[in-house]
């Protein structure tokens, strides 16, 4: 199993808007091969967010955001919505799951 971590930041007053767009993006993530689960965490005071998703293989976890957006017009609309909030997305990181409690 592999974990994909994506970090984002935004104006703290825009957190709810960014999270709403992220929730919509989960619709398209669920359709990708190897998808298992997705979680978002937020620090509303700083406008800091983290998305953690789990995948069957490194290849599945390593999809590009651009490919996801290009593959579906709905995902593209959600991406534009996130851009409208001026959310800043950092490049994702992919890790092999080494232990689980």
PDB file of N, CA and C in Angstrom:
ATOM      1  N   UNK A   1       0.845  -1.165   0.000  1.00  0.00           N
ATOM      2  CA  UNK A   1       0.000   0.000   0.000  1.00  0.00           C
ATOM      3  C   UNK A   1       0.899   1.239   0.000  1.00  0.00           C
ATOM      4  N   UNK A   2       0.399   2.305  -0.643  1.00  0.00           N
ATOM      5  CA  UNK A   2       1.147   3.558  -0.743  1.00  0.00           C
ATOM      6  C   UNK A   2       0.283   4.717  -0.280  1.00  0.00           C
ATOM      7  N   UNK A   3       0.945   5.706   0.287  1.00  0.00           N
ATOM      8  CA  UNK A   3       0.277   6.900   0.800  1.00  0.00           C
ATOM      9  C   UNK A   3       0.737   8.089  -0.035  1.00  0.00           C
ATOM     10  N   UNK A   4      -0.213   8.880  -0.464  1.00  0.00           N
ATOM     11  CA  UNK A   4       0.069  10.113  -1.200  1.00  0.00           C
ATOM     12  C   UNK A   4      -0.311  11.276  -0.289  1.00  0.00           C
ATOM     13  N   UNK A   5       0.623  12.191  -0.083  1.00  0.00           N
ATOM     14  CA  UNK A   5       0.388  13.353   0.765  1.00  0.00           C
ATOM     15  C   UNK A   5       0.485  14.601  -0.095  1.00  0.00           C
ATOM     16  N   UNK A   6      -0.565  15.395  -0.050  1.00  0.00           N
ATOM     17  CA  UNK A   6      -0.595  16.670  -0.772  1.00  0.00           C
ATOM     18  C   UNK A   6      -0.865  17.768   0.242  1.00  0.00           C
ATOM     19  N   UNK A   7      -0.057  18.816   0.176  1.00  0.00           N
ATOM     20  CA  UNK A   7      -0.240  19.942   1.075  1.00  0.00           C
ATOM     21  C   UNK A   7      -0.733  21.163   0.285  1.00  0.00           C
ATOM     22  N   UNK A   8      -1.537  21.986   0.946  1.00  0.00           N
ATOM     23  CA  UNK A   8      -2.049  23.203   0.322  1.00  0.00           C
ATOM     24  C   UNK A   8      -2.115  24.302   1.366  1.00  0.00           C
ATOM     25  N   UNK A   9      -2.132  25.522   0.882  1.00  0.00           N
ATOM     26  CA  UNK A   9      -2.331  26.657   1.780  1.00  0.00           C
ATOM     27  C   UNK A   9      -3.242  27.655   1.089  1.00  0.00           C
ATOM     28  N   UNK A  10      -3.939  28.424   1.909  1.00  0.00           N
ATOM     29  CA  UNK A  10      -4.867  29.427   1.373  1.00  0.00           C
ATOM     30  C   UNK A  10      -5.078  30.500   2.422  1.00  0.00           C
ATOM     31  N   UNK A  11      -5.771  31.537   2.045  1.00  0.00           N
ATOM     32  CA  UNK A  11      -6.209  32.550   2.992  1.00  0.00           C
ATOM     33  C   UNK A  11      -7.101  31.835   4.006  1.00  0.00           C
ATOM     34  N   UNK A  12      -6.850  31.990   5.306  1.00  0.00           N
ATOM     35  CA  UNK A  12      -7.666  31.276   6.293  1.00  0.00           C
ATOM     36  C   UNK A  12      -9.171  31.491   6.130  1.00  0.00           C
ATOM     37  N   UNK A  13      -9.581  32.621   5.617  1.00  0.00           N
ATOM     38  CA  UNK A  13     -11.020  32.862   5.430  1.00  0.00           C
ATOM     39  C   UNK A  13     -11.602  32.053   4.276  1.00  0.00           C
ATOM     40  N   UNK A  14     -10.753  31.430   3.471  1.00  0.00           N
ATOM     41  CA  UNK A  14     -11.201  30.648   2.300  1.00  0.00           C
ATOM     42  C   UNK A  14     -11.169  29.139   2.543  1.00  0.00           C
ATOM     43  N   UNK A  15     -10.830  28.707   3.759  1.00  0.00           N
ATOM     44  CA  UNK A  15     -10.692  27.270   4.037  1.00  0.00           C
ATOM     45  C   UNK A  15     -11.928  26.468   3.658  1.00  0.00           C
ATOM     46  N   UNK A  16     -13.094  26.948   4.004  1.00  0.00           N
ATOM     47  CA  UNK A  16     -14.315  26.193   3.704  1.00  0.00           C
ATOM     48  C   UNK A  16     -14.526  26.049   2.201  1.00  0.00           C
ATOM     49  N   UNK A  17     -14.203  27.090   1.433  1.00  0.00           N
ATOM     50  CA  UNK A  17     -14.346  27.016  -0.026  1.00  0.00           C
ATOM     51  C   UNK A  17     -13.371  26.001  -0.621  1.00  0.00           C
ATOM     52  N   UNK A  18     -12.133  26.012  -0.143  1.00  0.00           N
ATOM     53  CA  UNK A  18     -11.135  25.068  -0.651  1.00  0.00           C
ATOM     54  C   UNK A  18     -11.537  23.644  -0.288  1.00  0.00           C
ATOM     55  N   UNK A  19     -11.999  23.436   0.945  1.00  0.00           N
ATOM     56  CA  UNK A  19     -12.420  22.095   1.363  1.00  0.00           C
ATOM     57  C   UNK A  19     -13.632  21.611   0.581  1.00  0.00           C
ATOM     58  N   UNK A  20     -14.540  22.510   0.229  1.00  0.00           N
ATOM     59  CA  UNK A  20     -15.697  22.120  -0.585  1.00  0.00           C
ATOM     60  C   UNK A  20     -15.235  21.651  -1.965  1.00  0.00           C
ATOM     61  N   UNK A  21     -14.281  22.358  -2.553  1.00  0.00           N
ATOM     62  CA  UNK A  21     -13.745  21.942  -3.851  1.00  0.00           C
ATOM     63  C   UNK A  21     -13.003  20.618  -3.721  1.00  0.00           C
ATOM     64  N   UNK A  22     -12.264  20.448  -2.633  1.00  0.00           N
ATOM     65  CA  UNK A  22     -11.538  19.191  -2.411  1.00  0.00           C
ATOM     66  C   UNK A  22     -12.505  18.025  -2.281  1.00  0.00           C
ATOM     67  N   UNK A  23     -13.600  18.237  -1.593  1.00  0.00           N
ATOM     68  CA  UNK A  23     -14.609  17.182  -1.449  1.00  0.00           C
ATOM     69  C   UNK A  23     -15.155  16.770  -2.808  1.00  0.00           C
ATOM     70  N   UNK A  24     -15.366  17.725  -3.687  1.00  0.00           N
ATOM     71  CA  UNK A  24     -15.834  17.410  -5.035  1.00  0.00           C
ATOM     72  C   UNK A  24     -14.766  16.635  -5.809  1.00  0.00           C
ATOM     73  N   UNK A  25     -13.489  16.978  -5.602  1.00  0.00           N
ATOM     74  CA  UNK A  25     -12.401  16.280  -6.293  1.00  0.00           C
ATOM     75  C   UNK A  25     -12.354  14.811  -5.885  1.00  0.00           C
ATOM     76  N   UNK A  26     -12.763  14.518  -4.641  1.00  0.00           N
ATOM     77  CA  UNK A  26     -12.778  13.121  -4.194  1.00  0.00           C
ATOM     78  C   UNK A  26     -13.651  12.246  -5.084  1.00  0.00           C
ATOM     79  N   UNK A  27     -14.677  12.814  -5.695  1.00  0.00           N
ATOM     80  CA  UNK A  27     -15.530  12.062  -6.616  1.00  0.00           C
ATOM     81  C   UNK A  27     -14.690  11.462  -7.738  1.00  0.00           C
ATOM     82  N   UNK A  28     -13.754  12.241  -8.270  1.00  0.00           N
ATOM     83  CA  UNK A  28     -12.929  11.760  -9.384  1.00  0.00           C
ATOM     84  C   UNK A  28     -11.793  10.885  -8.890  1.00  0.00           C
ATOM     85  N   UNK A  29     -11.277  11.161  -7.700  1.00  0.00           N
ATOM     86  CA  UNK A  29     -10.225  10.298  -7.154  1.00  0.00           C
ATOM     87  C   UNK A  29     -10.737   8.867  -7.000  1.00  0.00           C
ATOM     88  N   UNK A  30     -11.966   8.723  -6.520  1.00  0.00           N
ATOM     89  CA  UNK A  30     -12.540   7.387  -6.305  1.00  0.00           C
ATOM     90  C   UNK A  30     -12.599   6.560  -7.581  1.00  0.00           C
ATOM     91  N   UNK A  31     -12.610   7.207  -8.724  1.00  0.00           N
ATOM     92  CA  UNK A  31     -12.692   6.498  -9.995  1.00  0.00           C
ATOM     93  C   UNK A  31     -11.332   6.064 -10.533  1.00  0.00           C
ATOM     94  N   UNK A  32     -10.252   6.533  -9.899  1.00  0.00           N
ATOM     95  CA  UNK A  32      -8.915   6.176 -10.388  1.00  0.00           C
ATOM     96  C   UNK A  32      -8.541   4.762  -9.959  1.00  0.00           C
ATOM     97  N   UNK A  33      -7.770   4.061 -10.798  1.00  0.00           N
ATOM     98  CA  UNK A  33      -7.326   2.711 -10.441  1.00  0.00           C
ATOM     99  C   UNK A  33      -6.502   2.722  -9.151  1.00  0.00           C
ATOM    100  N   UNK A  34      -6.759   1.754  -8.294  1.00  0.00           N
ATOM    101  CA  UNK A  34      -5.961   1.579  -7.087  1.00  0.00           C
ATOM    102  C   UNK A  34      -6.348   2.446  -5.911  1.00  0.00           C
ATOM    103  N   UNK A  35      -7.352   3.318  -6.073  1.00  0.00           N
ATOM    104  CA  UNK A  35      -7.757   4.202  -4.978  1.00  0.00           C
ATOM    105  C   UNK A  35      -8.316   3.387  -3.820  1.00  0.00           C
ATOM    106  N   UNK A  36      -7.931   3.750  -2.581  1.00  0.00           N
ATOM    107  CA  UNK A  36      -8.473   3.099  -1.389  1.00  0.00           C
ATOM    108  C   UNK A  36      -9.230   4.075  -0.493  1.00  0.00           C
ATOM    109  N   UNK A  37      -8.581   5.194  -0.127  1.00  0.00           N
ATOM    110  CA  UNK A  37      -9.238   6.142   0.780  1.00  0.00           C
ATOM    111  C   UNK A  37      -8.589   7.519   0.651  1.00  0.00           C
ATOM    112  N   UNK A  38      -9.298   8.534   1.174  1.00  0.00           N
ATOM    113  CA  UNK A  38      -8.780   9.900   1.125  1.00  0.00           C
ATOM    114  C   UNK A  38      -9.263  10.666   2.348  1.00  0.00           C
ATOM    115  N   UNK A  39      -8.370  11.445   2.937  1.00  0.00           N
ATOM    116  CA  UNK A  39      -8.682  12.253   4.110  1.00  0.00           C
ATOM    117  C   UNK A  39      -8.094  13.643   3.922  1.00  0.00           C
ATOM    118  N   UNK A  40      -8.811  14.653   4.376  1.00  0.00           N
ATOM    119  CA  UNK A  40      -8.304  16.032   4.376  1.00  0.00           C
ATOM    120  C   UNK A  40      -8.229  16.498   5.823  1.00  0.00           C
ATOM    121  N   UNK A  41      -7.149  17.218   6.135  1.00  0.00           N
ATOM    122  CA  UNK A  41      -6.986  17.832   7.455  1.00  0.00           C
ATOM    123  C   UNK A  41      -6.730  19.321   7.236  1.00  0.00           C
ATOM    124  N   UNK A  42      -7.148  20.136   8.199  1.00  0.00           N
ATOM    125  CA  UNK A  42      -7.022  21.583   8.031  1.00  0.00           C
ATOM    126  C   UNK A  42      -6.635  22.253   9.345  1.00  0.00           C
ATOM    127  N   UNK A  43      -5.795  23.258   9.248  1.00  0.00           N
ATOM    128  CA  UNK A  43      -5.512  24.183  10.345  1.00  0.00           C
ATOM    129  C   UNK A  43      -6.105  25.509   9.897  1.00  0.00           C
ATOM    130  N   UNK A  44      -7.313  25.802  10.332  1.00  0.00           N
ATOM    131  CA  UNK A  44      -8.040  26.986   9.865  1.00  0.00           C
ATOM    132  C   UNK A  44      -7.377  28.300  10.287  1.00  0.00           C
ATOM    133  N   UNK A  45      -6.623  28.286  11.359  1.00  0.00           N
ATOM    134  CA  UNK A  45      -5.945  29.494  11.809  1.00  0.00           C
ATOM    135  C   UNK A  45      -4.865  29.922  10.820  1.00  0.00           C
ATOM    136  N   UNK A  46      -4.126  28.947  10.292  1.00  0.00           N
ATOM    137  CA  UNK A  46      -3.033  29.245   9.356  1.00  0.00           C
ATOM    138  C   UNK A  46      -3.440  29.115   7.891  1.00  0.00           C
ATOM    139  N   UNK A  47      -4.575  28.504   7.620  1.00  0.00           N
ATOM    140  CA  UNK A  47      -4.957  28.246   6.236  1.00  0.00           C
ATOM    141  C   UNK A  47      -4.107  27.136   5.630  1.00  0.00           C
ATOM    142  N   UNK A  48      -3.682  26.192   6.463  1.00  0.00           N
ATOM    143  CA  UNK A  48      -2.850  25.070   6.012  1.00  0.00           C
ATOM    144  C   UNK A  48      -3.709  23.814   5.918  1.00  0.00           C
ATOM    145  N   UNK A  49      -3.512  23.052   4.844  1.00  0.00           N
ATOM    146  CA  UNK A  49      -4.288  21.835   4.632  1.00  0.00           C
ATOM    147  C   UNK A  49      -3.380  20.697   4.186  1.00  0.00           C
ATOM    148  N   UNK A  50      -3.863  19.488   4.433  1.00  0.00           N
ATOM    149  CA  UNK A  50      -3.141  18.304   3.998  1.00  0.00           C
ATOM    150  C   UNK A  50      -4.146  17.264   3.543  1.00  0.00           C
ATOM    151  N   UNK A  51      -3.904  16.679   2.389  1.00  0.00           N
ATOM    152  CA  UNK A  51      -4.713  15.570   1.907  1.00  0.00           C
ATOM    153  C   UNK A  51      -3.851  14.316   1.971  1.00  0.00           C
ATOM    154  N   UNK A  52      -4.406  13.263   2.533  1.00  0.00           N
ATOM    155  CA  UNK A  52      -3.719  11.975   2.617  1.00  0.00           C
ATOM    156  C   UNK A  52      -4.615  10.950   1.943  1.00  0.00           C
ATOM    157  N   UNK A  53      -4.084  10.267   0.947  1.00  0.00           N
ATOM    158  CA  UNK A  53      -4.867   9.222   0.277  1.00  0.00           C
ATOM    159  C   UNK A  53      -4.031   7.953   0.221  1.00  0.00           C
ATOM    160  N   UNK A  54      -4.719   6.810   0.178  1.00  0.00           N
ATOM    161  CA  UNK A  54      -4.027   5.528   0.110  1.00  0.00           C
ATOM    162  C   UNK A  54      -4.352   4.842  -1.208  1.00  0.00           C
ATOM    163  N   UNK A  55      -3.348   4.104  -1.716  1.00  0.00           N
ATOM    164  CA  UNK A  55      -3.401   3.515  -3.057  1.00  0.00           C
ATOM    165  C   UNK A  55      -2.781   2.126  -3.044  1.00  0.00           C
ATOM    166  N   UNK A  56      -3.179   1.314  -4.008  1.00  0.00           N
ATOM    167  CA  UNK A  56      -2.666  -0.051  -4.117  1.00  0.00           C
ATOM    168  C   UNK A  56      -1.185  -0.097  -4.462  1.00  0.00           C
ATOM    169  N   UNK A  57      -0.757   0.727  -5.416  1.00  0.00           N
ATOM    170  CA  UNK A  57       0.626   0.682  -5.887  1.00  0.00           C
ATOM    171  C   UNK A  57       1.212   2.091  -5.984  1.00  0.00           C
ATOM    172  N   UNK A  58       2.531   2.175  -6.069  1.00  0.00           N
ATOM    173  CA  UNK A  58       3.205   3.461  -6.250  1.00  0.00           C
ATOM    174  C   UNK A  58       2.741   4.120  -7.549  1.00  0.00           C
ATOM    175  N   UNK A  59       2.575   3.336  -8.595  1.00  0.00           N
ATOM    176  CA  UNK A  59       2.135   3.884  -9.876  1.00  0.00           C
ATOM    177  C   UNK A  59       0.758   4.531  -9.749  1.00  0.00           C
ATOM    178  N   UNK A  60      -0.158   3.864  -9.045  1.00  0.00           N
ATOM    179  CA  UNK A  60      -1.490   4.428  -8.845  1.00  0.00           C
ATOM    180  C   UNK A  60      -1.413   5.734  -8.053  1.00  0.00           C
ATOM    181  N   UNK A  61      -0.577   5.775  -7.029  1.00  0.00           N
ATOM    182  CA  UNK A  61      -0.459   6.957  -6.171  1.00  0.00           C
ATOM    183  C   UNK A  61       0.255   8.112  -6.861  1.00  0.00           C
ATOM    184  N   UNK A  62       0.984   7.827  -7.914  1.00  0.00           N
ATOM    185  CA  UNK A  62       1.828   8.836  -8.554  1.00  0.00           C
ATOM    186  C   UNK A  62       1.177   9.542  -9.729  1.00  0.00           C
ATOM    187  N   UNK A  63      -0.140   9.477  -9.851  1.00  0.00           N
ATOM    188  CA  UNK A  63      -0.811  10.149 -10.968  1.00  0.00           C
ATOM    189  C   UNK A  63      -0.536  11.655 -10.893  1.00  0.00           C
ATOM    190  N   UNK A  64      -0.581  12.300 -12.028  1.00  0.00           N
ATOM    191  CA  UNK A  64      -0.381  13.750 -12.033  1.00  0.00           C
ATOM    192  C   UNK A  64      -1.731  14.454 -11.907  1.00  0.00           C
ATOM    193  N   UNK A  65      -1.737  15.567 -11.229  1.00  0.00           N
ATOM    194  CA  UNK A  65      -2.973  16.356 -11.124  1.00  0.00           C
ATOM    195  C   UNK A  65      -3.442  16.781 -12.505  1.00  0.00           C
ATOM    196  N   UNK A  66      -2.484  17.111 -13.352  1.00  0.00           N
ATOM    197  CA  UNK A  66      -2.824  17.546 -14.705  1.00  0.00           C
ATOM    198  C   UNK A  66      -3.549  16.451 -15.470  1.00  0.00           C
ATOM    199  N   UNK A  67      -3.104  15.198 -15.298  1.00  0.00           N
ATOM    200  CA  UNK A  67      -3.749  14.075 -15.985  1.00  0.00           C
ATOM    201  C   UNK A  67      -5.181  13.889 -15.472  1.00  0.00           C
ATOM    202  N   UNK A  68      -5.372  14.043 -14.166  1.00  0.00           N
ATOM    203  CA  UNK A  68      -6.711  13.917 -13.596  1.00  0.00           C
ATOM    204  C   UNK A  68      -7.621  14.998 -14.156  1.00  0.00           C
ATOM    205  N   UNK A  69      -7.128  16.208 -14.224  1.00  0.00           N
ATOM    206  CA  UNK A  69      -7.924  17.330 -14.729  1.00  0.00           C
ATOM    207  C   UNK A  69      -8.217  17.155 -16.213  1.00  0.00           C
ATOM    208  N   UNK A  70      -7.218  16.708 -16.970  1.00  0.00           N
ATOM    209  CA  UNK A  70      -7.395  16.534 -18.414  1.00  0.00           C
ATOM    210  C   UNK A  70      -8.374  15.402 -18.732  1.00  0.00           C
ATOM    211  N   UNK A  71      -8.464  14.415 -17.859  1.00  0.00           N
ATOM    212  CA  UNK A  71      -9.286  13.238 -18.131  1.00  0.00           C
ATOM    213  C   UNK A  71     -10.769  13.484 -17.923  1.00  0.00           C
ATOM    214  N   UNK A  72     -11.139  14.535 -17.204  1.00  0.00           N
ATOM    215  CA  UNK A  72     -12.553  14.721 -16.880  1.00  0.00           C
ATOM    216  C   UNK A  72     -12.867  16.199 -16.729  1.00  0.00           C
ATOM    217  N   UNK A  73     -13.868  16.676 -17.428  1.00  0.00           N
ATOM    218  CA  UNK A  73     -14.215  18.095 -17.366  1.00  0.00           C
ATOM    219  C   UNK A  73     -14.739  18.491 -15.994  1.00  0.00           C
ATOM    220  N   UNK A  74     -15.351  17.574 -15.269  1.00  0.00           N
ATOM    221  CA  UNK A  74     -15.815  17.887 -13.912  1.00  0.00           C
ATOM    222  C   UNK A  74     -14.648  18.173 -12.993  1.00  0.00           C
ATOM    223  N   UNK A  75     -13.595  17.374 -13.090  1.00  0.00           N
ATOM    224  CA  UNK A  75     -12.408  17.607 -12.274  1.00  0.00           C
ATOM    225  C   UNK A  75     -11.762  18.934 -12.649  1.00  0.00           C
ATOM    226  N   UNK A  76     -11.811  19.291 -13.924  1.00  0.00           N
ATOM    227  CA  UNK A  76     -11.251  20.572 -14.366  1.00  0.00           C
ATOM    228  C   UNK A  76     -12.022  21.731 -13.742  1.00  0.00           C
ATOM    229  N   UNK A  77     -13.335  21.606 -13.672  1.00  0.00           N
ATOM    230  CA  UNK A  77     -14.146  22.669 -13.069  1.00  0.00           C
ATOM    231  C   UNK A  77     -13.819  22.821 -11.587  1.00  0.00           C
ATOM    232  N   UNK A  78     -13.638  21.707 -10.893  1.00  0.00           N
ATOM    233  CA  UNK A  78     -13.281  21.764  -9.475  1.00  0.00           C
ATOM    234  C   UNK A  78     -11.913  22.406  -9.309  1.00  0.00           C
ATOM    235  N   UNK A  79     -10.979  22.044 -10.178  1.00  0.00           N
ATOM    236  CA  UNK A  79      -9.638  22.631 -10.110  1.00  0.00           C
ATOM    237  C   UNK A  79      -9.700  24.144 -10.289  1.00  0.00           C
ATOM    238  N   UNK A  80     -10.515  24.607 -11.227  1.00  0.00           N
ATOM    239  CA  UNK A  80     -10.676  26.052 -11.427  1.00  0.00           C
ATOM    240  C   UNK A  80     -11.265  26.695 -10.174  1.00  0.00           C
ATOM    241  N   UNK A  81     -12.190  26.005  -9.528  1.00  0.00           N
ATOM    242  CA  UNK A  81     -12.772  26.518  -8.285  1.00  0.00           C
ATOM    243  C   UNK A  81     -11.725  26.681  -7.197  1.00  0.00           C
ATOM    244  N   UNK A  82     -10.807  25.717  -7.106  1.00  0.00           N
ATOM    245  CA  UNK A  82      -9.730  25.826  -6.124  1.00  0.00           C
ATOM    246  C   UNK A  82      -8.800  26.983  -6.481  1.00  0.00           C
ATOM    247  N   UNK A  83      -8.533  27.167  -7.767  1.00  0.00           N
ATOM    248  CA  UNK A  83      -7.689  28.276  -8.195  1.00  0.00           C
ATOM    249  C   UNK A  83      -8.356  29.608  -7.869  1.00  0.00           C
ATOM    250  N   UNK A  84      -9.668  29.665  -7.977  1.00  0.00           N
ATOM    251  CA  UNK A  84     -10.398  30.898  -7.665  1.00  0.00           C
ATOM    252  C   UNK A  84     -10.207  31.311  -6.210  1.00  0.00           C
ATOM    253  N   UNK A  85      -9.991  30.345  -5.334  1.00  0.00           N
ATOM    254  CA  UNK A  85      -9.765  30.659  -3.922  1.00  0.00           C
ATOM    255  C   UNK A  85      -8.305  31.007  -3.657  1.00  0.00           C
ATOM    256  N   UNK A  86      -7.479  30.914  -4.704  1.00  0.00           N
ATOM    257  CA  UNK A  86      -6.047  31.184  -4.617  1.00  0.00           C
ATOM    258  C   UNK A  86      -5.317  30.181  -3.711  1.00  0.00           C
ATOM    259  N   UNK A  87      -5.846  28.973  -3.639  1.00  0.00           N
ATOM    260  CA  UNK A  87      -5.164  27.919  -2.885  1.00  0.00           C
ATOM    261  C   UNK A  87      -3.855  27.577  -3.583  1.00  0.00           C
ATOM    262  N   UNK A  88      -2.825  27.411  -2.802  1.00  0.00           N
ATOM    263  CA  UNK A  88      -1.509  27.053  -3.327  1.00  0.00           C
ATOM    264  C   UNK A  88      -1.253  25.579  -3.022  1.00  0.00           C
ATOM    265  N   UNK A  89      -1.135  24.771  -4.073  1.00  0.00           N
ATOM    266  CA  UNK A  89      -0.887  23.332  -3.903  1.00  0.00           C
ATOM    267  C   UNK A  89       0.598  23.047  -4.083  1.00  0.00           C
ATOM    268  N   UNK A  90       1.173  22.296  -3.160  1.00  0.00           N
ATOM    269  CA  UNK A  90       2.553  21.849  -3.288  1.00  0.00           C
ATOM    270  C   UNK A  90       2.573  20.523  -4.050  1.00  0.00           C
ATOM    271  N   UNK A  91       3.708  20.166  -4.628  1.00  0.00           N
ATOM    272  CA  UNK A  91       3.791  18.867  -5.309  1.00  0.00           C
ATOM    273  C   UNK A  91       3.507  17.734  -4.324  1.00  0.00           C
ATOM    274  N   UNK A  92       2.799  16.700  -4.764  1.00  0.00           N
ATOM    275  CA  UNK A  92       2.486  15.581  -3.862  1.00  0.00           C
ATOM    276  C   UNK A  92       3.738  14.747  -3.565  1.00  0.00           C
ATOM    277  N   UNK A  93       3.677  14.054  -2.427  1.00  0.00           N
ATOM    278  CA  UNK A  93       4.726  13.120  -2.021  1.00  0.00           C
ATOM    279  C   UNK A  93       4.096  11.736  -1.918  1.00  0.00           C
ATOM    280  N   UNK A  94       4.826  10.705  -2.321  1.00  0.00           N
ATOM    281  CA  UNK A  94       4.322   9.336  -2.268  1.00  0.00           C
ATOM    282  C   UNK A  94       5.273   8.505  -1.410  1.00  0.00           C
ATOM    283  N   UNK A  95       4.706   7.770  -0.451  1.00  0.00           N
ATOM    284  CA  UNK A  95       5.476   6.926   0.462  1.00  0.00           C
ATOM    285  C   UNK A  95       4.912   5.513   0.467  1.00  0.00           C
ATOM    286  N   UNK A  96       5.782   4.549   0.624  1.00  0.00           N
ATOM    287  CA  UNK A  96       5.347   3.172   0.848  1.00  0.00           C
ATOM    288  C   UNK A  96       4.890   3.045   2.286  1.00  0.00           C
ATOM    289  N   UNK A  97       3.767   2.396   2.519  1.00  0.00           N
ATOM    290  CA  UNK A  97       3.290   2.158   3.881  1.00  0.00           C
ATOM    291  C   UNK A  97       4.206   1.121   4.514  1.00  0.00           C
ATOM    292  N   UNK A  98       4.829   1.483   5.630  1.00  0.00           N
ATOM    293  CA  UNK A  98       5.792   0.595   6.269  1.00  0.00           C
ATOM    294  C   UNK A  98       5.236  -0.069   7.525  1.00  0.00           C
ATOM    295  N   UNK A  99       4.279   0.559   8.188  1.00  0.00           N
ATOM    296  CA  UNK A  99       3.697   0.003   9.402  1.00  0.00           C
ATOM    297  C   UNK A  99       2.299   0.560   9.571  1.00  0.00           C
ATOM    298  N   UNK A 100       1.474  -0.175  10.302  1.00  0.00           N
ATOM    299  CA  UNK A 100       0.105   0.262  10.535  1.00  0.00           C
ATOM    300  C   UNK A 100      -0.302  -0.156  11.932  1.00  0.00           C
ATOM    301  N   UNK A 101      -1.033   0.707  12.629  1.00  0.00           N
ATOM    302  CA  UNK A 101      -1.484   0.376  13.999  1.00  0.00           C
ATOM    303  C   UNK A 101      -2.931  -0.033  13.973  1.00  0.00           C
TER     304      UNK A 101
END
